[in-house]
């Protein structure tokens, strides 16, 4: 995400973990993505600064009315422990380092990741029959902090028949890595099938594309491989 990129670039080396913040337990898929990507970077000399920089555990709720029409998608993002720490430190929150915030501090945090620049797609992509669906601007929901991890929620409105809609969570540039670990729920009598990403193929693609780039161009010309790492959520309505 654009705001995340700016914050991470400015602060990713400026802070050490604060006392009292406990390491988060990573869901298996998130840990797998990080480990595999780290192994690839070790195999590619000079590419250590390569993506991803931020890891986000994602949950989706597809909202469908009783007539089978899509109303929108509710999205939950849980940021990794290091990026959560950067945000809290940058905003001067959680000074006691206990990994939780007061109501007043949560009010300050509300909407911190919702100031999107024009043209930013929000890293949630929906299609129907191969045609991109327009998702509305984010409507901020609740924000919480547990064990030092920030979770924010927002809703994006949509319209049209829900049957056959596909939803993916990804950053095209793979600066931010999204893992659909919280499951998918659907309302309105519809169901959702999740087709996992082919991670072997995705990492092979990254390796091939990075080998083709001079090390000096990795950041400036990083290939848009994010979609290759995205699970596909398909909605079906009876």
Protein backbone atom coordinates (compact mmCIF):
# COMPACT_ATOMS: atom_id res chain seq x y z
CA UNK A 1 0.00 0.00 0.00
CA UNK A 2 1.23 3.49 -0.78
CA UNK A 3 1.12 4.83 2.77
CA UNK A 4 2.83 1.71 4.01
CA UNK A 5 5.60 2.02 1.44
CA UNK A 6 6.43 5.57 2.46
CA UNK A 7 6.44 4.77 6.16
CA UNK A 8 8.48 1.63 5.76
CA UNK A 9 11.07 3.29 3.53
CA UNK A 10 11.45 6.15 6.01
CA UNK A 11 11.60 4.10 9.19
CA UNK A 12 12.40 0.46 8.49
CA UNK A 13 15.93 0.79 9.93
CA UNK A 14 15.24 3.45 12.53
CA UNK A 15 13.73 1.43 15.36
CA UNK A 16 14.46 -1.70 17.33
CA UNK A 17 11.63 -3.77 18.88
CA UNK A 18 10.39 -2.20 22.09
CA UNK A 19 10.46 -4.08 25.37
CA UNK A 20 7.18 -5.81 26.13
CA UNK A 21 6.19 -6.47 22.54
CA UNK A 22 5.93 -10.21 22.08
CA UNK A 23 6.65 -11.85 18.70
CA UNK A 24 3.43 -12.70 16.92
CA UNK A 25 2.58 -16.27 16.08
CA UNK A 26 2.56 -16.38 12.33
CA UNK A 27 0.01 -18.45 10.46
CA UNK A 28 1.70 -21.22 8.44
CA UNK A 29 1.14 -19.63 5.05
CA UNK A 30 2.62 -16.28 6.10
CA UNK A 31 5.68 -17.99 7.55
CA UNK A 32 6.02 -20.10 4.42
CA UNK A 33 5.96 -17.05 2.17
CA UNK A 34 8.61 -15.27 4.21
CA UNK A 35 10.88 -18.29 4.47
CA UNK A 36 10.72 -19.21 0.80
CA UNK A 37 11.30 -15.65 -0.30
CA UNK A 38 14.28 -15.32 2.03
CA UNK A 39 15.77 -18.49 0.55
CA UNK A 40 15.38 -17.12 -2.97
CA UNK A 41 17.11 -13.89 -2.00
CA UNK A 42 20.00 -15.86 -0.50
CA UNK A 43 20.40 -17.56 -3.87
CA UNK A 44 20.49 -14.23 -5.69
CA UNK A 45 23.57 -12.24 -4.64
CA UNK A 46 23.04 -8.51 -4.33
CA UNK A 47 19.24 -8.67 -4.16
CA UNK A 48 18.80 -8.55 -0.40
CA UNK A 49 16.73 -5.30 -0.47
CA UNK A 50 14.09 -6.91 -2.72
CA UNK A 51 10.43 -7.19 -1.90
CA UNK A 52 8.27 -7.86 0.00
CA UNK A 53 8.80 -5.40 2.85
CA UNK A 54 5.43 -5.63 4.61
CA UNK A 55 3.36 -8.72 5.43
CA UNK A 56 -0.40 -8.51 5.94
CA UNK A 57 -2.73 -11.29 7.08
CA UNK A 58 -6.08 -10.77 5.38
CA UNK A 59 -9.70 -11.77 5.98
CA UNK A 60 -12.51 -11.13 3.49
CA UNK A 61 -16.29 -11.01 3.91
CA UNK A 62 -18.27 -10.79 0.67
CA UNK A 63 -21.61 -9.10 1.31
CA UNK A 64 -24.46 -10.30 -0.92
CA UNK A 65 -28.15 -9.42 -0.56
CA UNK A 66 -30.99 -11.95 -0.59
CA UNK A 67 -31.48 -11.43 -4.32
CA UNK A 68 -27.89 -12.50 -5.08
CA UNK A 69 -26.57 -9.01 -5.77
CA UNK A 70 -23.11 -7.98 -4.62
CA UNK A 71 -23.14 -5.19 -2.07
CA UNK A 72 -19.44 -5.03 -1.36
CA UNK A 73 -16.44 -6.56 0.37
CA UNK A 74 -15.39 -6.12 3.97
CA UNK A 75 -11.61 -6.37 4.33
CA UNK A 76 -9.51 -6.97 7.43
CA UNK A 77 -5.76 -6.33 7.45
CA UNK A 78 -3.47 -7.49 10.26
CA UNK A 79 -0.02 -5.99 9.84
CA UNK A 80 3.15 -7.86 10.73
CA UNK A 81 4.82 -7.20 14.07
CA UNK A 82 7.64 -5.03 12.73
CA UNK A 83 5.46 -2.78 10.59
CA UNK A 84 2.92 -2.47 13.42
CA UNK A 85 5.78 -1.37 15.68
CA UNK A 86 6.90 1.24 13.13
CA UNK A 87 3.41 2.74 12.90
CA UNK A 88 2.92 2.83 16.67
CA UNK A 89 6.34 4.36 17.23
CA UNK A 90 5.86 6.92 14.44
CA UNK A 91 2.53 8.01 15.94
CA UNK A 92 3.82 8.02 19.50
CA UNK A 93 1.36 5.32 20.60
CA UNK A 94 1.83 2.47 23.09
CA UNK A 95 4.65 4.21 25.00
CA UNK A 96 4.61 1.53 27.71
CA UNK A 97 5.22 -1.18 25.09
CA UNK A 98 2.56 -3.54 26.38
CA UNK A 99 1.19 -4.26 22.88
CA UNK A 100 -2.27 -2.79 23.48
CA UNK A 101 -3.80 0.67 23.21
CA UNK A 102 -6.23 2.71 25.26
CA UNK A 103 -9.49 3.94 23.73
CA UNK A 104 -7.96 7.38 23.24
CA UNK A 105 -4.93 5.89 21.47
CA UNK A 106 -7.13 3.71 19.25
CA UNK A 107 -9.06 6.84 18.28
CA UNK A 108 -5.79 8.40 17.09
CA UNK A 109 -4.95 5.26 15.11
CA UNK A 110 -8.35 5.07 13.42
CA UNK A 111 -8.05 5.45 9.64
CA UNK A 112 -4.24 5.61 9.64
CA UNK A 113 -4.10 3.47 6.46
CA UNK A 114 -7.13 4.93 4.68
CA UNK A 115 -5.56 8.05 3.14
CA UNK A 116 -5.25 6.56 -0.32
CA UNK A 117 -3.75 8.42 -3.24
CA UNK A 118 -5.79 8.79 -6.46
CA UNK A 119 -5.55 5.70 -8.63
CA UNK A 120 -4.59 3.36 -5.81
CA UNK A 121 -6.73 0.20 -6.12
CA UNK A 122 -6.56 -0.71 -2.45
CA UNK A 123 -4.85 -4.06 -3.08
CA UNK A 124 -8.26 -5.77 -3.29
CA UNK A 125 -9.17 -6.74 -6.84
CA UNK A 126 -12.54 -8.07 -8.00
CA UNK A 127 -13.56 -9.36 -11.43
CA UNK A 128 -16.59 -10.92 -13.08
CA UNK A 129 -16.11 -13.01 -16.22
CA UNK A 130 -12.63 -11.53 -16.58
CA UNK A 131 -13.82 -7.92 -16.38
CA UNK A 132 -12.64 -5.75 -13.51
CA UNK A 133 -15.32 -4.64 -11.07
CA UNK A 134 -15.29 -1.17 -9.61
CA UNK A 135 -14.96 -1.20 -5.85
CA UNK A 136 -15.96 1.95 -4.03
CA UNK A 137 -13.70 4.06 -1.81
CA UNK A 138 -12.84 2.59 1.57
CA UNK A 139 -15.28 3.07 4.40
CA UNK A 140 -13.14 2.76 7.55
CA UNK A 141 -14.26 0.32 10.20
CA UNK A 142 -12.83 -0.69 13.55
CA UNK A 143 -9.13 -0.73 14.35
CA UNK A 144 -7.58 -2.83 17.08
CA UNK A 145 -4.18 -3.73 18.50
CA UNK A 146 -3.54 -7.12 20.07
CA UNK A 147 -0.11 -8.42 21.12
CA UNK A 148 1.39 -5.46 19.30
CA UNK A 149 -0.27 -6.27 15.94
CA UNK A 150 -2.46 -3.65 14.28
CA UNK A 151 -5.67 -4.85 12.63
CA UNK A 152 -7.76 -2.44 10.57
CA UNK A 153 -11.04 -3.07 8.78
CA UNK A 154 -12.77 -1.31 5.93
CA UNK A 155 -15.65 -1.86 3.55
CA UNK A 156 -15.75 -1.27 -0.20
CA UNK A 157 -19.09 -1.11 -1.95
CA UNK A 158 -19.82 -2.91 -5.23
CA UNK A 159 -22.82 -3.83 -7.33
CA UNK A 160 -24.10 -6.34 -9.88
CA UNK A 161 -24.69 -10.09 -9.68
CA UNK A 162 -22.50 -11.83 -7.11
CA UNK A 163 -22.46 -15.19 -8.87
CA UNK A 164 -19.12 -15.77 -10.57
CA UNK A 165 -17.34 -12.85 -8.93
CA UNK A 166 -13.67 -13.45 -8.15
CA UNK A 167 -11.75 -11.55 -5.47
CA UNK A 168 -8.00 -11.44 -4.90
CA UNK A 169 -5.90 -9.60 -2.32
CA UNK A 170 -2.52 -8.53 -3.64
CA UNK A 171 -0.14 -5.66 -4.28
CA UNK A 172 0.94 -5.89 -7.95
CA UNK A 173 4.46 -4.77 -7.08
CA UNK A 174 4.71 -7.31 -4.22
CA UNK A 175 6.04 -4.60 -1.92
CA UNK A 176 3.30 -5.77 0.43
CA UNK A 177 2.61 -9.50 0.69
CA UNK A 178 -0.96 -10.45 1.54
CA UNK A 179 -1.83 -13.87 2.99
CA UNK A 180 -5.51 -14.84 3.03
CA UNK A 181 -5.31 -16.58 6.38
CA UNK A 182 -8.55 -15.52 8.07
CA UNK A 183 -10.88 -17.35 5.73
CA UNK A 184 -13.68 -15.98 3.59
CA UNK A 185 -17.33 -15.60 4.53
CA UNK A 186 -20.23 -14.82 2.22
CA UNK A 187 -23.74 -13.65 3.06
CA UNK A 188 -27.00 -13.91 1.11
CA UNK A 189 -27.08 -17.67 0.62
CA UNK A 190 -23.96 -17.70 -1.56
CA UNK A 191 -20.76 -19.66 -1.09
CA UNK A 192 -17.09 -19.00 -1.67
CA UNK A 193 -14.40 -21.34 -2.91
CA UNK A 194 -10.75 -20.48 -2.33
CA UNK A 195 -8.20 -21.63 -4.88
CA UNK A 196 -4.75 -21.39 -3.28
CA UNK A 197 -1.98 -19.69 -5.20
CA UNK A 198 0.63 -21.95 -6.76
CA UNK A 199 3.51 -20.74 -4.59
CA UNK A 200 6.07 -22.95 -6.29
CA UNK A 201 5.22 -21.38 -9.64
CA UNK A 202 5.11 -17.90 -8.11
CA UNK A 203 8.56 -18.14 -6.55
CA UNK A 204 9.98 -19.67 -9.71
CA UNK A 205 8.63 -16.68 -11.62
CA UNK A 206 10.23 -14.28 -9.14
CA UNK A 207 13.55 -16.07 -9.38
CA UNK A 208 13.52 -16.01 -13.18
CA UNK A 209 12.54 -12.36 -13.41
CA UNK A 210 15.03 -11.22 -10.78
CA UNK A 211 17.87 -13.08 -12.46
CA UNK A 212 17.05 -11.12 -15.62
CA UNK A 213 17.46 -7.78 -13.83
CA UNK A 214 20.75 -6.07 -13.00
CA UNK A 215 21.02 -5.85 -9.20
CA UNK A 216 21.08 -2.05 -9.42
CA UNK A 217 17.61 -2.03 -10.99
CA UNK A 218 15.81 -4.40 -8.62
CA UNK A 219 14.00 -1.71 -6.64
CA UNK A 220 13.30 0.70 -9.49
CA UNK A 221 12.14 -1.93 -12.00
CA UNK A 222 10.81 -4.66 -9.72
CA UNK A 223 8.48 -6.92 -11.75
CA UNK A 224 4.78 -6.90 -10.94
CA UNK A 225 4.46 -10.44 -9.58
CA UNK A 226 2.05 -9.84 -6.71
CA UNK A 227 -0.94 -11.47 -8.37
CA UNK A 228 0.98 -14.73 -8.72
CA UNK A 229 0.99 -15.05 -4.92
CA UNK A 230 -2.73 -14.33 -4.48
CA UNK A 231 -5.37 -16.91 -3.60
CA UNK A 232 -8.49 -16.68 -5.77
CA UNK A 233 -11.87 -16.37 -4.07
CA UNK A 234 -14.78 -17.39 -6.31
CA UNK A 235 -18.37 -16.63 -5.30
CA UNK A 236 -21.20 -18.92 -6.39
CA UNK A 237 -24.88 -18.40 -5.72
CA UNK A 238 -27.64 -20.97 -6.10
